[in-house]
């Protein structure tokens, strides 16, 4: 039923596994490697067609210097922070409360309310492009950071509620009953009993939401325009000129834009893995 451990397979298969593993790893990382190589190439390599060859000269400091000091990349990065962090906090706060209500309280419409939260995740977001854009225009939120934050909170809360509700339902209900017997108020049960037990799930959810929102490109293009509100994913396209693209600067900007979510994951790796695997075994 389960795959045979590699240590128990034949010597020929073990050798094949050891040979194929680094090859597949390189193929998987090839796009990232290509972007990293492009980011240190001079502009002349692209005008002469030297896309995949060895760089004629290493221009790492020149390319990254232009990205940081001769473009609006720092402003785009700040916009992404101002969009991602409030969204992450808002989603965690709302989903913790809704997950607690749907996971602890038993009422007739419980499952239907839960389905309403989950159903939004199955709607293709492309069909919502025009209505959402018109709504932000009518509300005066188009091309603003608060508008993008509110939109992301509204659309991500459904997934976050699904995540938190299922986690809370796995907690021992006896803890809730014991607190109620002691006469503890419901909000104190949430704050002092349930919330401390949710720390691994909150950490895992924070990493997921941070990554989702930081890497968003579609809604960043639809709902924002210009350096005053665009996040870094959309701002990278500003390196495109009228007749050609500055691939070396776009690649350097892409590497810079990818660093925050990678750093976020490694900082929260222990809690992230604990949150995803908690309850996997008894």
Protein backbone atom coordinates (compact mmCIF):
# COMPACT_ATOMS: atom_id res chain seq x y z
CA UNK A 1 0.00 0.00 0.00
CA UNK A 2 2.79 2.40 0.91
CA UNK A 3 5.94 3.05 -1.16
CA UNK A 4 8.90 0.90 -0.26
CA UNK A 5 11.62 2.85 1.57
CA UNK A 6 14.58 3.58 -0.68
CA UNK A 7 16.90 1.76 1.74
CA UNK A 8 15.01 -1.50 1.12
CA UNK A 9 15.06 -1.36 -2.68
CA UNK A 10 17.59 -2.99 -4.98
CA UNK A 11 21.09 -1.48 -5.38
CA UNK A 12 20.34 -0.64 -9.02
CA UNK A 13 17.24 1.37 -8.06
CA UNK A 14 19.11 3.15 -5.27
CA UNK A 15 21.81 4.20 -7.74
CA UNK A 16 19.17 5.39 -10.22
CA UNK A 17 17.46 7.37 -7.46
CA UNK A 18 20.72 9.04 -6.40
CA UNK A 19 21.49 9.99 -10.01
CA UNK A 20 18.01 11.24 -10.94
CA UNK A 21 17.37 13.23 -7.76
CA UNK A 22 19.95 15.99 -8.41
CA UNK A 23 18.98 16.09 -12.09
CA UNK A 24 15.30 16.65 -11.28
CA UNK A 25 16.25 19.19 -8.62
CA UNK A 26 18.27 21.18 -11.17
CA UNK A 27 15.40 21.05 -13.69
CA UNK A 28 12.99 22.29 -11.02
CA UNK A 29 15.32 25.15 -10.08
CA UNK A 30 16.27 25.98 -13.69
CA UNK A 31 13.89 28.98 -14.06
CA UNK A 32 15.19 30.51 -10.83
CA UNK A 33 18.78 29.83 -11.88
CA UNK A 34 18.11 31.51 -15.23
CA UNK A 35 16.68 34.60 -13.53
CA UNK A 36 19.69 34.76 -11.19
CA UNK A 37 22.10 34.52 -14.16
CA UNK A 38 20.16 37.13 -16.13
CA UNK A 39 20.37 39.51 -13.17
CA UNK A 40 24.19 39.68 -13.37
CA UNK A 41 24.46 40.01 -17.15
CA UNK A 42 25.13 43.32 -18.91
CA UNK A 43 22.55 44.85 -21.20
CA UNK A 44 24.81 44.19 -24.19
CA UNK A 45 24.36 40.42 -23.83
CA UNK A 46 20.66 40.76 -24.58
CA UNK A 47 21.12 43.07 -27.56
CA UNK A 48 23.60 40.60 -29.08
CA UNK A 49 21.39 37.58 -28.37
CA UNK A 50 23.54 36.06 -25.64
CA UNK A 51 20.57 34.91 -23.58
CA UNK A 52 21.78 31.53 -22.34
CA UNK A 53 25.53 31.86 -22.75
CA UNK A 54 28.10 32.75 -20.12
CA UNK A 55 27.93 36.44 -19.13
CA UNK A 56 30.43 38.56 -21.05
CA UNK A 57 30.94 40.52 -17.81
CA UNK A 58 29.47 40.39 -14.32
CA UNK A 59 27.34 43.46 -13.67
CA UNK A 60 25.70 42.39 -10.43
CA UNK A 61 26.49 45.58 -8.50
CA UNK A 62 25.58 47.79 -11.46
CA UNK A 63 22.26 46.03 -12.11
CA UNK A 64 21.16 45.83 -8.49
CA UNK A 65 22.38 49.38 -7.93
CA UNK A 66 20.12 50.60 -10.72
CA UNK A 67 17.22 48.64 -9.26
CA UNK A 68 17.64 50.15 -5.79
CA UNK A 69 18.91 53.66 -6.51
CA UNK A 70 17.82 54.56 -10.06
CA UNK A 71 14.28 53.21 -10.11
CA UNK A 72 11.09 53.22 -8.04
CA UNK A 73 11.74 49.71 -6.70
CA UNK A 74 12.09 50.86 -3.03
CA UNK A 75 8.68 52.53 -3.29
CA UNK A 76 7.16 49.40 -4.85
CA UNK A 77 8.64 47.29 -2.05
CA UNK A 78 7.18 49.64 0.56
CA UNK A 79 3.79 49.46 -1.17
CA UNK A 80 3.93 45.66 -1.01
CA UNK A 81 4.70 45.81 2.71
CA UNK A 82 1.84 48.26 3.31
CA UNK A 83 -0.50 45.94 1.41
CA UNK A 84 0.68 42.54 2.66
CA UNK A 85 1.15 43.12 6.38
CA UNK A 86 -2.29 44.74 7.09
CA UNK A 87 -3.95 42.09 4.93
CA UNK A 88 -2.22 39.30 6.82
CA UNK A 89 -3.19 40.80 10.20
CA UNK A 90 -6.78 41.45 9.13
CA UNK A 91 -7.26 37.95 7.75
CA UNK A 92 -5.83 36.33 10.87
CA UNK A 93 -8.02 38.39 13.22
CA UNK A 94 -11.25 37.81 11.28
CA UNK A 95 -10.64 34.14 10.53
CA UNK A 96 -9.71 33.41 14.16
CA UNK A 97 -13.05 34.78 15.35
CA UNK A 98 -15.13 33.23 12.59
CA UNK A 99 -13.29 29.92 12.95
CA UNK A 100 -13.98 29.98 16.69
CA UNK A 101 -17.67 30.70 16.16
CA UNK A 102 -18.12 28.03 13.48
CA UNK A 103 -15.93 25.47 15.23
CA UNK A 104 -17.30 25.80 18.78
CA UNK A 105 -20.92 26.93 18.58
CA UNK A 106 -23.57 24.55 17.27
CA UNK A 107 -26.55 26.16 15.55
CA UNK A 108 -28.77 25.20 12.63
CA UNK A 109 -27.20 27.46 10.02
CA UNK A 110 -23.64 26.61 11.06
CA UNK A 111 -22.82 24.41 8.09
CA UNK A 112 -24.49 26.79 5.63
CA UNK A 113 -22.57 29.78 6.92
CA UNK A 114 -19.40 27.72 6.66
CA UNK A 115 -20.27 26.77 3.07
CA UNK A 116 -20.71 30.45 2.23
CA UNK A 117 -17.16 31.14 3.38
CA UNK A 118 -15.80 28.16 1.46
CA UNK A 119 -17.83 28.74 -1.72
CA UNK A 120 -15.99 31.96 -2.49
CA UNK A 121 -12.79 29.99 -2.98
CA UNK A 122 -14.33 28.13 -5.93
CA UNK A 123 -15.31 31.24 -7.90
CA UNK A 124 -12.82 31.93 -10.73
CA UNK A 125 -11.40 35.31 -9.85
CA UNK A 126 -11.08 36.30 -13.53
CA UNK A 127 -14.86 36.64 -13.87
CA UNK A 128 -14.84 39.08 -10.95
CA UNK A 129 -12.35 41.43 -12.58
CA UNK A 130 -14.81 43.91 -14.08
CA UNK A 131 -17.34 44.00 -11.16
CA UNK A 132 -14.59 44.42 -8.57
CA UNK A 133 -12.89 47.14 -10.58
CA UNK A 134 -16.17 49.02 -11.03
CA UNK A 135 -16.94 48.66 -7.32
CA UNK A 136 -13.58 50.15 -6.32
CA UNK A 137 -14.17 53.03 -8.73
CA UNK A 138 -17.63 53.73 -7.28
CA UNK A 139 -16.27 53.63 -3.72
CA UNK A 140 -13.25 55.80 -4.51
CA UNK A 141 -10.84 52.99 -3.64
CA UNK A 142 -9.38 52.38 -7.09
CA UNK A 143 -5.61 52.81 -7.29
CA UNK A 144 -5.28 53.04 -3.52
CA UNK A 145 -3.46 50.85 -1.03
CA UNK A 146 -6.46 50.66 1.39
CA UNK A 147 -8.66 49.49 -1.50
CA UNK A 148 -6.31 46.62 -2.33
CA UNK A 149 -5.98 45.72 1.35
CA UNK A 150 -9.75 45.57 1.85
CA UNK A 151 -10.18 43.52 -1.32
CA UNK A 152 -7.57 40.95 -0.29
CA UNK A 153 -9.00 40.67 3.22
CA UNK A 154 -12.47 40.06 1.80
CA UNK A 155 -11.30 37.37 -0.61
CA UNK A 156 -8.79 35.62 1.64
CA UNK A 157 -10.96 35.42 4.75
CA UNK A 158 -12.91 32.47 3.28
CA UNK A 159 -9.82 30.28 2.94
CA UNK A 160 -8.50 31.45 6.31
CA UNK A 161 -11.82 30.60 7.97
CA UNK A 162 -11.73 27.11 6.47
CA UNK A 163 -8.20 26.69 7.81
CA UNK A 164 -8.92 27.98 11.31
CA UNK A 165 -12.33 26.34 11.73
CA UNK A 166 -10.94 22.88 10.97
CA UNK A 167 -8.01 23.48 13.31
CA UNK A 168 -10.24 24.62 16.19
CA UNK A 169 -12.58 21.64 15.76
CA UNK A 170 -9.58 19.36 16.32
CA UNK A 171 -8.90 20.91 19.75
CA UNK A 172 -10.16 19.07 22.87
CA UNK A 173 -13.68 20.35 23.48
CA UNK A 174 -13.30 19.39 27.14
CA UNK A 175 -11.16 22.51 27.61
CA UNK A 176 -14.04 24.71 26.50
CA UNK A 177 -16.52 22.88 28.72
CA UNK A 178 -14.21 23.10 31.74
CA UNK A 179 -13.83 26.86 31.26
CA UNK A 180 -17.59 27.29 30.95
CA UNK A 181 -18.14 25.30 34.14
CA UNK A 182 -15.80 27.72 35.89
CA UNK A 183 -17.97 30.60 34.68
CA UNK A 184 -15.44 32.05 32.24
CA UNK A 185 -16.92 34.44 29.69
CA UNK A 186 -16.92 33.33 26.05
CA UNK A 187 -14.55 36.06 24.91
CA UNK A 188 -12.12 35.09 27.67
CA UNK A 189 -12.34 31.46 26.59
CA UNK A 190 -11.39 32.55 23.09
CA UNK A 191 -8.58 34.83 24.26
CA UNK A 192 -7.03 32.79 27.08
CA UNK A 193 -7.88 29.18 26.18
CA UNK A 194 -8.31 28.78 22.43
CA UNK A 195 -6.00 31.46 21.05
CA UNK A 196 -2.83 30.21 22.80
CA UNK A 197 -3.47 26.73 21.37
CA UNK A 198 -3.82 28.22 17.88
CA UNK A 199 -0.29 29.66 17.71
CA UNK A 200 1.07 26.98 15.31
CA UNK A 201 -1.95 27.42 13.04
CA UNK A 202 -1.66 31.21 13.18
CA UNK A 203 2.01 31.01 12.21
CA UNK A 204 1.30 28.66 9.31
CA UNK A 205 -1.57 30.83 8.11
CA UNK A 206 0.56 33.98 8.39
CA UNK A 207 3.22 32.47 6.11
CA UNK A 208 0.62 31.31 3.58
CA UNK A 209 -1.23 34.63 3.44
CA UNK A 210 2.01 36.64 3.31
CA UNK A 211 3.15 34.56 0.34
CA UNK A 212 -0.23 34.72 -1.45
CA UNK A 213 -0.59 38.49 -1.16
CA UNK A 214 3.05 39.38 -1.78
CA UNK A 215 3.15 37.30 -4.98
CA UNK A 216 -0.21 38.52 -6.31
CA UNK A 217 0.09 40.02 -9.79
CA UNK A 218 -3.37 39.81 -11.32
CA UNK A 219 -5.22 42.07 -8.88
CA UNK A 220 -2.22 44.35 -8.51
CA UNK A 221 -2.53 45.14 -12.22
CA UNK A 222 -6.34 45.31 -12.23
CA UNK A 223 -6.83 47.53 -9.17
CA UNK A 224 -3.74 49.75 -9.17
CA UNK A 225 -1.67 51.79 -11.58
CA UNK A 226 1.33 53.97 -10.97
CA UNK A 227 4.08 54.06 -8.41
CA UNK A 228 1.89 55.55 -5.65
CA UNK A 229 0.02 52.28 -5.01
CA UNK A 230 1.36 49.42 -7.14
CA UNK A 231 3.10 46.54 -5.32
CA UNK A 232 6.45 45.19 -6.39
CA UNK A 233 5.02 42.38 -8.55
CA UNK A 234 3.37 44.90 -10.84
CA UNK A 235 6.15 47.46 -10.45
CA UNK A 236 8.72 45.15 -12.03
CA UNK A 237 7.02 45.72 -15.38
CA UNK A 238 8.15 49.35 -15.23
CA UNK A 239 11.54 48.14 -16.47
CA UNK A 240 9.94 47.47 -19.85
CA UNK A 241 10.84 50.20 -22.32
CA UNK A 242 8.75 51.19 -25.34
CA UNK A 243 10.54 48.93 -27.83
CA UNK A 244 12.43 46.42 -25.68
CA UNK A 245 12.52 44.94 -22.19
CA UNK A 246 15.40 45.45 -19.77
CA UNK A 247 15.71 41.77 -18.90
CA UNK A 248 18.75 42.27 -16.69
CA UNK A 249 16.92 44.82 -14.52
CA UNK A 250 13.67 42.83 -14.50
CA UNK A 251 15.60 39.76 -13.35
CA UNK A 252 17.39 41.70 -10.62
CA UNK A 253 14.07 43.19 -9.50
CA UNK A 254 12.48 39.72 -9.46
CA UNK A 255 15.23 38.37 -7.22
CA UNK A 256 14.79 41.31 -4.85
CA UNK A 257 10.99 40.85 -4.83
CA UNK A 258 11.33 37.13 -4.05
CA UNK A 259 13.51 37.64 -0.96
CA UNK A 260 10.84 38.77 1.60
CA UNK A 261 8.55 35.70 1.29
CA UNK A 262 11.57 33.39 1.33
CA UNK A 263 12.88 35.12 4.45
CA UNK A 264 9.40 34.96 5.99
CA UNK A 265 9.26 31.20 5.44
CA UNK A 266 12.69 30.50 6.93
CA UNK A 267 11.97 32.71 9.94
CA UNK A 268 8.66 30.93 10.59
CA UNK A 269 9.68 27.50 9.29
CA UNK A 270 9.48 25.71 12.63
CA UNK A 271 6.03 27.08 13.44
CA UNK A 272 4.84 26.67 9.83
CA UNK A 273 5.64 22.96 9.73
CA UNK A 274 4.18 22.45 13.21
CA UNK A 275 0.96 24.16 12.16
CA UNK A 276 0.57 22.02 9.04
CA UNK A 277 1.37 18.70 10.72
CA UNK A 278 -0.41 19.22 14.06
CA UNK A 279 -3.07 16.56 14.36
CA UNK A 280 -1.61 14.46 11.53
CA UNK A 281 -0.81 11.66 14.00
CA UNK A 282 -2.49 10.62 17.23
